Full PDB file with SEQRES, HELIX, SHEET, SSBOND, CRYST1, ORIGX, SCALE, CONECT and MASTER records, all heavy atoms in Angstrom:
SEQRES   1 A   44  GLY MET ILE PHE ALA ALA CYS GLU ASP PHE ALA ILE ASP          
SEQRES   2 A   44  ARG PRO GLU SER VAL LEU VAL GLY ASP LYS ILE ALA ASP          
SEQRES   3 A   44  ILE ARG ALA GLY ASN ALA ALA GLY LEU LYS THR VAL MET          
SEQRES   4 A   44  VAL ARG THR GLY HIS                                          
HELIX    1 AA1 MET A    2  ASP A    9  1                                   8    
HELIX    2 AA2 ARG A   14  GLU A   16  5                                   3    
HELIX    3 AA3 ILE A   24  ALA A   32  1                                   9    
SHEET    1 AA1 2 VAL A  18  GLY A  21  0                                        
SHEET    2 AA1 2 LYS A  36  MET A  39  1                                        
CRYST1    1.000    1.000    1.000  90.00  90.00  90.00 P 1           1          
ORIGX1      1.000000  0.000000  0.000000        0.00000                         
ORIGX2      0.000000  1.000000  0.000000        0.00000                         
ORIGX3      0.000000  0.000000  1.000000        0.00000                         
SCALE1      1.000000  0.000000  0.000000        0.00000                         
SCALE2      0.000000  1.000000  0.000000        0.00000                         
SCALE3      0.000000  0.000000  1.000000        0.00000                         
ATOM      1  N   GLY A   1     105.548 -26.646  -8.837  1.00  0.00           N  
ATOM      2  CA  GLY A   1     105.704 -27.073 -10.255  1.00  0.00           C  
ATOM      3  C   GLY A   1     104.425 -27.456 -10.948  1.00  0.00           C  
ATOM      4  O   GLY A   1     104.188 -27.103 -12.128  1.00  0.00           O  
ATOM      5  N   MET A   2     103.569 -28.204 -10.246  1.00  0.00           N  
ATOM      6  CA  MET A   2     102.304 -28.625 -10.871  1.00  0.00           C  
ATOM      7  C   MET A   2     101.414 -27.421 -11.214  1.00  0.00           C  
ATOM      8  O   MET A   2     100.685 -27.414 -12.240  1.00  0.00           O  
ATOM      9  CB  MET A   2     101.586 -29.627 -10.002  1.00  0.00           C  
ATOM     10  CG  MET A   2     102.223 -31.025  -9.980  1.00  0.00           C  
ATOM     11  SD  MET A   2     101.299 -32.234  -9.078  1.00  0.00           S  
ATOM     12  CE  MET A   2     101.583 -31.800  -7.342  1.00  0.00           C  
ATOM     13  N   ILE A   3     101.394 -26.460 -10.316  1.00  0.00           N  
ATOM     14  CA  ILE A   3     100.588 -25.248 -10.534  1.00  0.00           C  
ATOM     15  C   ILE A   3     101.121 -24.478 -11.742  1.00  0.00           C  
ATOM     16  O   ILE A   3     100.359 -24.045 -12.628  1.00  0.00           O  
ATOM     17  CB  ILE A   3     100.593 -24.374  -9.266  1.00  0.00           C  
ATOM     18  CG1 ILE A   3      99.929 -25.116  -8.134  1.00  0.00           C  
ATOM     19  CG2 ILE A   3      99.892 -23.044  -9.560  1.00  0.00           C  
ATOM     20  CD1 ILE A   3     100.155 -24.468  -6.769  1.00  0.00           C  
ATOM     21  N   PHE A   4     102.447 -24.327 -11.817  1.00  0.00           N  
ATOM     22  CA  PHE A   4     103.039 -23.616 -12.919  1.00  0.00           C  
ATOM     23  C   PHE A   4     102.792 -24.372 -14.249  1.00  0.00           C  
ATOM     24  O   PHE A   4     102.592 -23.730 -15.279  1.00  0.00           O  
ATOM     25  CB  PHE A   4     104.511 -23.382 -12.703  1.00  0.00           C  
ATOM     26  CG  PHE A   4     104.841 -22.404 -11.652  1.00  0.00           C  
ATOM     27  CD1 PHE A   4     105.919 -22.560 -10.811  1.00  0.00           C  
ATOM     28  CD2 PHE A   4     104.049 -21.253 -11.486  1.00  0.00           C  
ATOM     29  CE1 PHE A   4     106.211 -21.615  -9.794  1.00  0.00           C  
ATOM     30  CE2 PHE A   4     104.333 -20.304 -10.461  1.00  0.00           C  
ATOM     31  CZ  PHE A   4     105.386 -20.520  -9.655  1.00  0.00           C  
ATOM     32  N   ALA A   5     102.785 -25.702 -14.186  1.00  0.00           N  
ATOM     33  CA  ALA A   5     102.475 -26.491 -15.392  1.00  0.00           C  
ATOM     34  C   ALA A   5     101.130 -26.236 -15.881  1.00  0.00           C  
ATOM     35  O   ALA A   5     100.859 -26.044 -17.096  1.00  0.00           O  
ATOM     36  CB  ALA A   5     102.740 -27.962 -15.087  1.00  0.00           C  
ATOM     37  N   ALA A   6     100.140 -26.169 -14.974  1.00  0.00           N  
ATOM     38  CA  ALA A   6      98.801 -25.856 -15.344  1.00  0.00           C  
ATOM     39  C   ALA A   6      98.651 -24.461 -15.962  1.00  0.00           C  
ATOM     40  O   ALA A   6      97.857 -24.255 -16.909  1.00  0.00           O  
ATOM     41  CB  ALA A   6      97.839 -25.965 -14.142  1.00  0.00           C  
ATOM     42  N   CYS A   7      99.444 -23.556 -15.424  1.00  0.00           N  
ATOM     43  CA  CYS A   7      99.425 -22.186 -15.968  1.00  0.00           C  
ATOM     44  C   CYS A   7     100.054 -22.130 -17.361  1.00  0.00           C  
ATOM     45  O   CYS A   7      99.806 -21.146 -18.122  1.00  0.00           O  
ATOM     46  CB  CYS A   7     100.127 -21.253 -15.008  1.00  0.00           C  
ATOM     47  SG  CYS A   7      99.212 -20.997 -13.463  1.00  0.00           S  
ATOM     48  N   GLU A   8     100.851 -23.122 -17.723  1.00  0.00           N  
ATOM     49  CA  GLU A   8     101.322 -23.195 -19.096  1.00  0.00           C  
ATOM     50  C   GLU A   8     100.255 -23.724 -20.045  1.00  0.00           C  
ATOM     51  O   GLU A   8     100.172 -23.343 -21.208  1.00  0.00           O  
ATOM     52  CB  GLU A   8     102.541 -24.108 -19.188  1.00  0.00           C  
ATOM     53  CG  GLU A   8     103.838 -23.526 -18.660  1.00  0.00           C  
ATOM     54  CD  GLU A   8     105.082 -24.396 -18.937  1.00  0.00           C  
ATOM     55  OE1 GLU A   8     104.851 -25.573 -19.301  1.00  0.00           O  
ATOM     56  OE2 GLU A   8     106.195 -23.925 -18.772  1.00  0.00           O  
ATOM     57  N   ASP A   9      99.443 -24.631 -19.523  1.00  0.00           N  
ATOM     58  CA  ASP A   9      98.392 -25.281 -20.347  1.00  0.00           C  
ATOM     59  C   ASP A   9      97.167 -24.428 -20.522  1.00  0.00           C  
ATOM     60  O   ASP A   9      96.472 -24.473 -21.532  1.00  0.00           O  
ATOM     61  CB  ASP A   9      98.010 -26.611 -19.778  1.00  0.00           C  
ATOM     62  CG  ASP A   9      99.153 -27.663 -19.829  1.00  0.00           C  
ATOM     63  OD1 ASP A   9     100.084 -27.461 -20.584  1.00  0.00           O  
ATOM     64  OD2 ASP A   9      99.056 -28.631 -19.086  1.00  0.00           O  
ATOM     65  N   PHE A  10      96.826 -23.672 -19.440  1.00  0.00           N  
ATOM     66  CA  PHE A  10      95.598 -22.901 -19.463  1.00  0.00           C  
ATOM     67  C   PHE A  10      95.937 -21.424 -19.224  1.00  0.00           C  
ATOM     68  O   PHE A  10      96.996 -21.058 -18.679  1.00  0.00           O  
ATOM     69  CB  PHE A  10      94.679 -23.361 -18.287  1.00  0.00           C  
ATOM     70  CG  PHE A  10      94.277 -24.760 -18.356  1.00  0.00           C  
ATOM     71  CD1 PHE A  10      94.835 -25.696 -17.495  1.00  0.00           C  
ATOM     72  CD2 PHE A  10      93.385 -25.228 -19.296  1.00  0.00           C  
ATOM     73  CE1 PHE A  10      94.432 -27.047 -17.533  1.00  0.00           C  
ATOM     74  CE2 PHE A  10      92.971 -26.577 -19.361  1.00  0.00           C  
ATOM     75  CZ  PHE A  10      93.518 -27.477 -18.461  1.00  0.00           C  
ATOM     76  N   ALA A  11      95.038 -20.546 -19.641  1.00  0.00           N  
ATOM     77  CA  ALA A  11      95.154 -19.092 -19.367  1.00  0.00           C  
ATOM     78  C   ALA A  11      94.624 -18.792 -17.981  1.00  0.00           C  
ATOM     79  O   ALA A  11      93.428 -18.641 -17.770  1.00  0.00           O  
ATOM     80  CB  ALA A  11      94.410 -18.279 -20.399  1.00  0.00           C  
ATOM     81  N   ILE A  12      95.517 -18.792 -16.989  1.00  0.00           N  
ATOM     82  CA  ILE A  12      95.133 -18.664 -15.574  1.00  0.00           C  
ATOM     83  C   ILE A  12      95.651 -17.384 -14.986  1.00  0.00           C  
ATOM     84  O   ILE A  12      96.856 -17.038 -15.104  1.00  0.00           O  
ATOM     85  CB  ILE A  12      95.626 -19.864 -14.767  1.00  0.00           C  
ATOM     86  CG1 ILE A  12      94.859 -21.146 -15.218  1.00  0.00           C  
ATOM     87  CG2 ILE A  12      95.478 -19.661 -13.260  1.00  0.00           C  
ATOM     88  CD1 ILE A  12      95.329 -22.442 -14.572  1.00  0.00           C  
ATOM     89  N   ASP A  13      94.805 -16.684 -14.274  1.00  0.00           N  
ATOM     90  CA  ASP A  13      95.163 -15.494 -13.500  1.00  0.00           C  
ATOM     91  C   ASP A  13      95.552 -15.954 -12.113  1.00  0.00           C  
ATOM     92  O   ASP A  13      94.746 -16.154 -11.241  1.00  0.00           O  
ATOM     93  CB  ASP A  13      93.967 -14.560 -13.457  1.00  0.00           C  
ATOM     94  CG  ASP A  13      94.244 -13.232 -12.763  1.00  0.00           C  
ATOM     95  OD1 ASP A  13      95.334 -13.141 -12.127  1.00  0.00           O  
ATOM     96  OD2 ASP A  13      93.476 -12.333 -12.857  1.00  0.00           O  
ATOM     97  N   ARG A  14      96.857 -16.166 -11.927  1.00  0.00           N  
ATOM     98  CA  ARG A  14      97.324 -16.769 -10.660  1.00  0.00           C  
ATOM     99  C   ARG A  14      96.976 -15.948  -9.434  1.00  0.00           C  
ATOM    100  O   ARG A  14      96.493 -16.521  -8.458  1.00  0.00           O  
ATOM    101  CB  ARG A  14      98.826 -17.019 -10.703  1.00  0.00           C  
ATOM    102  CG  ARG A  14      99.151 -18.357 -11.374  1.00  0.00           C  
ATOM    103  CD  ARG A  14     100.627 -18.777 -11.126  1.00  0.00           C  
ATOM    104  NE  ARG A  14     101.559 -17.949 -11.818  1.00  0.00           N  
ATOM    105  CZ  ARG A  14     102.549 -17.271 -11.231  1.00  0.00           C  
ATOM    106  NH1 ARG A  14     102.692 -17.309  -9.963  1.00  0.00           N  
ATOM    107  NH2 ARG A  14     103.343 -16.558 -11.951  1.00  0.00           N  
ATOM    108  N   PRO A  15      97.164 -14.616  -9.388  1.00  0.00           N  
ATOM    109  CA  PRO A  15      96.864 -13.856  -8.185  1.00  0.00           C  
ATOM    110  C   PRO A  15      95.377 -13.979  -7.704  1.00  0.00           C  
ATOM    111  O   PRO A  15      95.027 -13.772  -6.573  1.00  0.00           O  
ATOM    112  CB  PRO A  15      97.253 -12.461  -8.498  1.00  0.00           C  
ATOM    113  CG  PRO A  15      98.259 -12.557  -9.559  1.00  0.00           C  
ATOM    114  CD  PRO A  15      97.824 -13.753 -10.397  1.00  0.00           C  
ATOM    115  N   GLU A  16      94.484 -14.256  -8.716  1.00  0.00           N  
ATOM    116  CA  GLU A  16      93.067 -14.347  -8.427  1.00  0.00           C  
ATOM    117  C   GLU A  16      92.642 -15.796  -8.220  1.00  0.00           C  
ATOM    118  O   GLU A  16      91.452 -16.081  -8.005  1.00  0.00           O  
ATOM    119  CB  GLU A  16      92.230 -13.722  -9.544  1.00  0.00           C  
ATOM    120  CG  GLU A  16      92.421 -12.212  -9.638  1.00  0.00           C  
ATOM    121  CD  GLU A  16      92.104 -11.494  -8.335  1.00  0.00           C  
ATOM    122  OE1 GLU A  16      91.059 -11.798  -7.758  1.00  0.00           O  
ATOM    123  OE2 GLU A  16      92.912 -10.607  -7.957  1.00  0.00           O  
ATOM    124  N   SER A  17      93.582 -16.715  -8.317  1.00  0.00           N  
ATOM    125  CA  SER A  17      93.255 -18.164  -8.140  1.00  0.00           C  
ATOM    126  C   SER A  17      93.387 -18.627  -6.740  1.00  0.00           C  
ATOM    127  O   SER A  17      94.021 -17.964  -5.905  1.00  0.00           O  
ATOM    128  CB  SER A  17      94.143 -18.994  -9.102  1.00  0.00           C  
ATOM    129  OG  SER A  17      93.938 -18.641 -10.441  1.00  0.00           O  
ATOM    130  N   VAL A  18      92.819 -19.768  -6.455  1.00  0.00           N  
ATOM    131  CA  VAL A  18      92.745 -20.366  -5.099  1.00  0.00           C  
ATOM    132  C   VAL A  18      93.220 -21.772  -5.128  1.00  0.00           C  
ATOM    133  O   VAL A  18      92.912 -22.548  -6.032  1.00  0.00           O  
ATOM    134  CB  VAL A  18      91.316 -20.296  -4.538  1.00  0.00           C  
ATOM    135  CG1 VAL A  18      91.298 -20.788  -3.095  1.00  0.00           C  
ATOM    136  CG2 VAL A  18      90.761 -18.865  -4.629  1.00  0.00           C  
ATOM    137  N   LEU A  19      93.930 -22.183  -4.068  1.00  0.00           N  
ATOM    138  CA  LEU A  19      94.279 -23.608  -3.849  1.00  0.00           C  
ATOM    139  C   LEU A  19      93.628 -24.079  -2.567  1.00  0.00           C  
ATOM    140  O   LEU A  19      93.716 -23.363  -1.544  1.00  0.00           O  
ATOM    141  CB  LEU A  19      95.778 -23.853  -3.781  1.00  0.00           C  
ATOM    142  CG  LEU A  19      96.146 -25.313  -3.589  1.00  0.00           C  
ATOM    143  CD1 LEU A  19      97.390 -25.667  -4.415  1.00  0.00           C  
ATOM    144  CD2 LEU A  19      96.465 -25.585  -2.103  1.00  0.00           C  
ATOM    145  N   VAL A  20      92.993 -25.217  -2.607  1.00  0.00           N  
ATOM    146  CA  VAL A  20      92.382 -25.793  -1.450  1.00  0.00           C  
ATOM    147  C   VAL A  20      93.093 -27.143  -1.149  1.00  0.00           C  
ATOM    148  O   VAL A  20      93.182 -27.994  -2.021  1.00  0.00           O  
ATOM    149  CB  VAL A  20      90.883 -26.078  -1.640  1.00  0.00           C  
ATOM    150  CG1 VAL A  20      90.275 -26.674  -0.322  1.00  0.00           C  
ATOM    151  CG2 VAL A  20      90.152 -24.822  -2.028  1.00  0.00           C  
ATOM    152  N   GLY A  21      93.631 -27.285   0.059  1.00  0.00           N  
ATOM    153  CA  GLY A  21      94.320 -28.503   0.432  1.00  0.00           C  
ATOM    154  C   GLY A  21      94.089 -28.869   1.881  1.00  0.00           C  
ATOM    155  O   GLY A  21      93.503 -28.110   2.640  1.00  0.00           O  
ATOM    156  N   ASP A  22      94.554 -30.077   2.210  1.00  0.00           N  
ATOM    157  CA  ASP A  22      94.343 -30.620   3.590  1.00  0.00           C  
ATOM    158  C   ASP A  22      95.702 -30.734   4.315  1.00  0.00           C  
ATOM    159  O   ASP A  22      95.738 -31.212   5.471  1.00  0.00           O  
ATOM    160  CB  ASP A  22      93.620 -31.947   3.591  1.00  0.00           C  
ATOM    161  CG  ASP A  22      94.469 -33.051   2.960  1.00  0.00           C  
ATOM    162  OD1 ASP A  22      95.183 -32.816   1.958  1.00  0.00           O  
ATOM    163  OD2 ASP A  22      94.348 -34.226   3.437  1.00  0.00           O  
ATOM    164  N   LYS A  23      96.796 -30.308   3.639  1.00  0.00           N  
ATOM    165  CA  LYS A  23      98.128 -30.429   4.268  1.00  0.00           C  
ATOM    166  C   LYS A  23      98.862 -29.096   4.204  1.00  0.00           C  
ATOM    167  O   LYS A  23      98.577 -28.267   3.239  1.00  0.00           O  
ATOM    168  CB  LYS A  23      98.993 -31.476   3.573  1.00  0.00           C  
ATOM    169  CG  LYS A  23      98.586 -32.896   3.792  1.00  0.00           C  
ATOM    170  CD  LYS A  23      99.566 -33.820   3.101  1.00  0.00           C  
ATOM    171  CE  LYS A  23      99.323 -35.288   3.420  1.00  0.00           C  
ATOM    172  NZ  LYS A  23     100.373 -36.152   2.795  1.00  0.00           N  
ATOM    173  N   ILE A  24      99.729 -28.871   5.120  1.00  0.00           N  
ATOM    174  CA  ILE A  24     100.556 -27.634   5.111  1.00  0.00           C  
ATOM    175  C   ILE A  24     101.352 -27.587   3.792  1.00  0.00           C  
ATOM    176  O   ILE A  24     101.542 -26.522   3.195  1.00  0.00           O  
ATOM    177  CB  ILE A  24     101.561 -27.598   6.292  1.00  0.00           C  
ATOM    178  CG1 ILE A  24     100.802 -27.606   7.599  1.00  0.00           C  
ATOM    179  CG2 ILE A  24     102.490 -26.411   6.202  1.00  0.00           C  
ATOM    180  CD1 ILE A  24      99.927 -26.419   7.832  1.00  0.00           C  
ATOM    181  N   ALA A  25     101.795 -28.729   3.284  1.00  0.00           N  
ATOM    182  CA  ALA A  25     102.558 -28.769   1.994  1.00  0.00           C  
ATOM    183  C   ALA A  25     101.702 -28.240   0.839  1.00  0.00           C  
ATOM    184  O   ALA A  25     102.246 -27.551  -0.041  1.00  0.00           O  
ATOM    185  CB  ALA A  25     102.980 -30.195   1.712  1.00  0.00           C  
ATOM    186  N   ASP A  26     100.415 -28.479   0.849  1.00  0.00           N  
ATOM    187  CA  ASP A  26      99.535 -27.931  -0.163  1.00  0.00           C  
ATOM    188  C   ASP A  26      99.532 -26.435  -0.062  1.00  0.00           C  
ATOM    189  O   ASP A  26      99.643 -25.687  -1.096  1.00  0.00           O  
ATOM    190  CB  ASP A  26      98.105 -28.454  -0.018  1.00  0.00           C  
ATOM    191  CG  ASP A  26      97.968 -29.938  -0.087  1.00  0.00           C  
ATOM    192  OD1 ASP A  26      98.720 -30.522  -0.903  1.00  0.00           O  
ATOM    193  OD2 ASP A  26      97.147 -30.517   0.649  1.00  0.00           O  
ATOM    194  N   ILE A  27      99.342 -25.922   1.101  1.00  0.00           N  
ATOM    195  CA  ILE A  27      99.222 -24.453   1.356  1.00  0.00           C  
ATOM    196  C   ILE A  27     100.553 -23.808   0.911  1.00  0.00           C  
ATOM    197  O   ILE A  27     100.542 -22.743   0.271  1.00  0.00           O  
ATOM    198  CB  ILE A  27      98.911 -24.171   2.810  1.00  0.00           C  
ATOM    199  CG1 ILE A  27      97.601 -24.841   3.220  1.00  0.00           C  
ATOM    200  CG2 ILE A  27      98.841 -22.665   3.041  1.00  0.00           C  
ATOM    201  CD1 ILE A  27      96.437 -24.547   2.292  1.00  0.00           C  
ATOM    202  N   ARG A  28     101.669 -24.410   1.231  1.00  0.00           N  
ATOM    203  CA  ARG A  28     102.947 -23.820   0.868  1.00  0.00           C  
ATOM    204  C   ARG A  28     103.156 -23.816  -0.646  1.00  0.00           C  
ATOM    205  O   ARG A  28     103.731 -22.846  -1.195  1.00  0.00           O  
ATOM    206  CB  ARG A  28     104.093 -24.553   1.572  1.00  0.00           C  
ATOM    207  CG  ARG A  28     104.102 -24.223   3.070  1.00  0.00           C  
ATOM    208  CD  ARG A  28     105.144 -24.951   3.877  1.00  0.00           C  
ATOM    209  NE  ARG A  28     105.095 -24.419   5.256  1.00  0.00           N  
ATOM    210  CZ  ARG A  28     105.700 -24.975   6.296  1.00  0.00           C  
ATOM    211  NH1 ARG A  28     106.423 -26.089   6.072  1.00  0.00           N  
ATOM    212  NH2 ARG A  28     105.644 -24.491   7.483  1.00  0.00           N  
ATOM    213  N   ALA A  29     102.686 -24.866  -1.296  1.00  0.00           N  
ATOM    214  CA  ALA A  29     102.743 -24.847  -2.808  1.00  0.00           C  
ATOM    215  C   ALA A  29     101.936 -23.694  -3.364  1.00  0.00           C  
ATOM    216  O   ALA A  29     102.366 -23.017  -4.285  1.00  0.00           O  
ATOM    217  CB  ALA A  29     102.254 -26.200  -3.366  1.00  0.00           C  
ATOM    218  N   GLY A  30     100.678 -23.543  -2.814  1.00  0.00           N  
ATOM    219  CA  GLY A  30      99.868 -22.447  -3.310  1.00  0.00           C  
ATOM    220  C   GLY A  30     100.471 -21.112  -3.065  1.00  0.00           C  
ATOM    221  O   GLY A  30     100.491 -20.221  -3.929  1.00  0.00           O  
ATOM    222  N   ASN A  31     101.006 -20.906  -1.856  1.00  0.00           N  
ATOM    223  CA  ASN A  31     101.609 -19.644  -1.528  1.00  0.00           C  
ATOM    224  C   ASN A  31     102.850 -19.371  -2.420  1.00  0.00           C  
ATOM    225  O   ASN A  31     103.059 -18.236  -2.853  1.00  0.00           O  
ATOM    226  CB  ASN A  31     101.997 -19.616  -0.031  1.00  0.00           C  
ATOM    227  CG  ASN A  31     100.815 -19.554   0.868  1.00  0.00           C  
ATOM    228  OD1 ASN A  31      99.711 -19.128   0.471  1.00  0.00           O  
ATOM    229  ND2 ASN A  31     101.008 -19.941   2.134  1.00  0.00           N  
ATOM    230  N   ALA A  32     103.642 -20.388  -2.694  1.00  0.00           N  
ATOM    231  CA  ALA A  32     104.790 -20.232  -3.547  1.00  0.00           C  
ATOM    232  C   ALA A  32     104.444 -19.826  -4.952  1.00  0.00           C  
ATOM    233  O   ALA A  32     105.225 -19.180  -5.632  1.00  0.00           O  
ATOM    234  CB  ALA A  32     105.631 -21.533  -3.510  1.00  0.00           C  
ATOM    235  N   ALA A  33     103.263 -20.237  -5.407  1.00  0.00           N  
ATOM    236  CA  ALA A  33     102.799 -19.902  -6.727  1.00  0.00           C  
ATOM    237  C   ALA A  33     102.025 -18.589  -6.748  1.00  0.00           C  
ATOM    238  O   ALA A  33     101.546 -18.149  -7.838  1.00  0.00           O  
ATOM    239  CB  ALA A  33     101.937 -20.995  -7.283  1.00  0.00           C  
ATOM    240  N   GLY A  34     101.866 -17.932  -5.623  1.00  0.00           N  
ATOM    241  CA  GLY A  34     101.154 -16.675  -5.566  1.00  0.00           C  
ATOM    242  C   GLY A  34      99.638 -16.784  -5.553  1.00  0.00           C  
ATOM    243  O   GLY A  34      98.956 -15.886  -5.958  1.00  0.00           O  
ATOM    244  N   LEU A  35      99.146 -17.925  -5.088  1.00  0.00           N  
ATOM    245  CA  LEU A  35      97.654 -18.166  -5.018  1.00  0.00           C  
ATOM    246  C   LEU A  35      97.118 -17.777  -3.675  1.00  0.00           C  
ATOM    247  O   LEU A  35      97.851 -17.738  -2.666  1.00  0.00           O  
ATOM    248  CB  LEU A  35      97.307 -19.617  -5.341  1.00  0.00           C  
ATOM    249  CG  LEU A  35      97.987 -20.328  -6.526  1.00  0.00           C  
ATOM    250  CD1 LEU A  35      97.383 -21.722  -6.619  1.00  0.00           C  
ATOM    251  CD2 LEU A  35      97.666 -19.541  -7.786  1.00  0.00           C  
ATOM    252  N   LYS A  36      95.821 -17.591  -3.616  1.00  0.00           N  
ATOM    253  CA  LYS A  36      95.117 -17.583  -2.343  1.00  0.00           C  
ATOM    254  C   LYS A  36      95.009 -19.031  -1.894  1.00  0.00           C  
ATOM    255  O   LYS A  36      94.984 -19.925  -2.726  1.00  0.00           O  
ATOM    256  CB  LYS A  36      93.714 -16.960  -2.494  1.00  0.00           C  
ATOM    257  CG  LYS A  36      93.711 -15.587  -3.073  1.00  0.00           C  
ATOM    258  CD  LYS A  36      92.276 -15.138  -3.524  1.00  0.00           C  
ATOM    259  CE  LYS A  36      92.314 -13.857  -4.238  1.00  0.00           C  
ATOM    260  NZ  LYS A  36      90.995 -13.478  -4.714  1.00  0.00           N  
ATOM    261  N   THR A  37      94.973 -19.273  -0.572  1.00  0.00           N  
ATOM    262  CA  THR A  37      94.985 -20.651  -0.073  1.00  0.00           C  
ATOM    263  C   THR A  37      93.941 -20.863   0.965  1.00  0.00           C  
ATOM    264  O   THR A  37      93.678 -19.983   1.794  1.00  0.00           O  
ATOM    265  CB  THR A  37      96.360 -21.032   0.455  1.00  0.00           C  
ATOM    266  OG1 THR A  37      96.751 -20.104   1.450  1.00  0.00           O  
ATOM    267  CG2 THR A  37      97.422 -21.066  -0.674  1.00  0.00           C  
ATOM    268  N   VAL A  38      93.370 -22.089   0.980  1.00  0.00           N  
ATOM    269  CA  VAL A  38      92.392 -22.512   1.948  1.00  0.00           C  
ATOM    270  C   VAL A  38      92.744 -23.875   2.420  1.00  0.00           C  
ATOM    271  O   VAL A  38      93.078 -24.750   1.625  1.00  0.00           O  
ATOM    272  CB  VAL A  38      90.982 -22.502   1.339  1.00  0.00           C  
ATOM    273  CG1 VAL A  38      89.938 -22.919   2.415  1.00  0.00           C  
ATOM    274  CG2 VAL A  38      90.633 -21.141   0.728  1.00  0.00           C  
ATOM    275  N   MET A  39      92.648 -24.151   3.713  1.00  0.00           N  
ATOM    276  CA  MET A  39      92.903 -25.452   4.256  1.00  0.00           C  
ATOM    277  C   MET A  39      91.602 -26.028   4.812  1.00  0.00           C  
ATOM    278  O   MET A  39      90.801 -25.328   5.378  1.00  0.00           O  
ATOM    279  CB  MET A  39      93.951 -25.375   5.385  1.00  0.00           C  
ATOM    280  CG  MET A  39      94.596 -26.661   5.723  1.00  0.00           C  
ATOM    281  SD  MET A  39      96.115 -26.380   6.689  1.00  0.00           S  
ATOM    282  CE  MET A  39      96.681 -28.102   6.925  1.00  0.00           C  
ATOM    283  N   VAL A  40      91.443 -27.346   4.584  1.00  0.00           N  
ATOM    284  CA  VAL A  40      90.209 -27.994   5.060  1.00  0.00           C  
ATOM    285  C   VAL A  40      90.533 -29.055   6.104  1.00  0.00           C  
ATOM    286  O   VAL A  40      91.639 -29.512   6.199  1.00  0.00           O  
ATOM    287  CB  VAL A  40      89.467 -28.681   3.874  1.00  0.00           C  
ATOM    288  CG1 VAL A  40      88.874 -27.645   2.960  1.00  0.00           C  
ATOM    289  CG2 VAL A  40      90.384 -29.609   3.075  1.00  0.00           C  
ATOM    290  N   ARG A  41      89.554 -29.313   6.927  1.00  0.00           N  
ATOM    291  CA  ARG A  41      89.716 -30.206   8.076  1.00  0.00           C  
ATOM    292  C   ARG A  41      89.471 -31.708   7.692  1.00  0.00           C  
ATOM    293  O   ARG A  41      89.561 -32.568   8.561  1.00  0.00           O  
ATOM    294  CB  ARG A  41      88.764 -29.833   9.186  1.00  0.00           C  
ATOM    295  CG  ARG A  41      89.117 -28.465   9.748  1.00  0.00           C  
ATOM    296  CD  ARG A  41      88.243 -28.110  11.014  1.00  0.00           C  
ATOM    297  NE  ARG A  41      88.604 -26.833  11.580  1.00  0.00           N  
ATOM    298  CZ  ARG A  41      88.019 -25.712  11.298  1.00  0.00           C  
ATOM    299  NH1 ARG A  41      86.983 -25.680  10.466  1.00  0.00           N  
ATOM    300  NH2 ARG A  41      88.397 -24.569  11.862  1.00  0.00           N  
ATOM    301  N   THR A  42      89.178 -31.961   6.442  1.00  0.00           N  
ATOM    302  CA  THR A  42      89.035 -33.363   5.989  1.00  0.00           C  
ATOM    303  C   THR A  42      90.411 -33.985   5.720  1.00  0.00           C  
ATOM    304  O   THR A  42      91.430 -33.241   5.698  1.00  0.00           O  
ATOM    305  CB  THR A  42      88.159 -33.400   4.716  1.00  0.00           C  
ATOM    306  OG1 THR A  42      88.649 -32.443   3.782  1.00  0.00           O  
ATOM    307  CG2 THR A  42      86.696 -33.156   5.039  1.00  0.00           C  
ATOM    308  N   GLY A  43      90.479 -35.279   5.580  1.00  0.00           N  
ATOM    309  CA  GLY A  43      91.758 -35.940   5.327  1.00  0.00           C  
ATOM    310  C   GLY A  43      92.787 -35.636   6.402  1.00  0.00           C  
ATOM    311  O   GLY A  43      92.486 -35.683   7.634  1.00  0.00           O  
ATOM    312  N   HIS A  44      93.981 -35.330   6.003  1.00  0.00           N  
ATOM    313  CA  HIS A  44      95.041 -35.005   6.929  1.00  0.00           C  
ATOM    314  C   HIS A  44      94.789 -33.689   7.638  1.00  0.00           C  
ATOM    315  O   HIS A  44      95.411 -33.370   8.670  1.00  0.00           O  
ATOM    316  CB  HIS A  44      96.406 -34.955   6.234  1.00  0.00           C  
ATOM    317  CG  HIS A  44      96.939 -36.282   5.809  1.00  0.00           C  
ATOM    318  ND1 HIS A  44      97.552 -37.195   6.708  1.00  0.00           N  
ATOM    319  CD2 HIS A  44      96.905 -36.914   4.582  1.00  0.00           C  
ATOM    320  CE1 HIS A  44      97.868 -38.242   5.992  1.00  0.00           C  
ATOM    321  NE2 HIS A  44      97.520 -38.151   4.749  1.00  0.00           N  
TER     322      HIS A  44                                                      
MASTER        0    0    0    3    2    0    0    6  321    1    0    4          
END                                                                             
């Protein structure tokens, strides 16, 4: 939902966009929105 909300506010090309997170939940949100995803070893 937060990703889709941002896409309402900004002109965003979702398939070319990237999400970076430290949790599996982050990656799943990005994947659900059709983004490329990257996980980092910091934090969780």
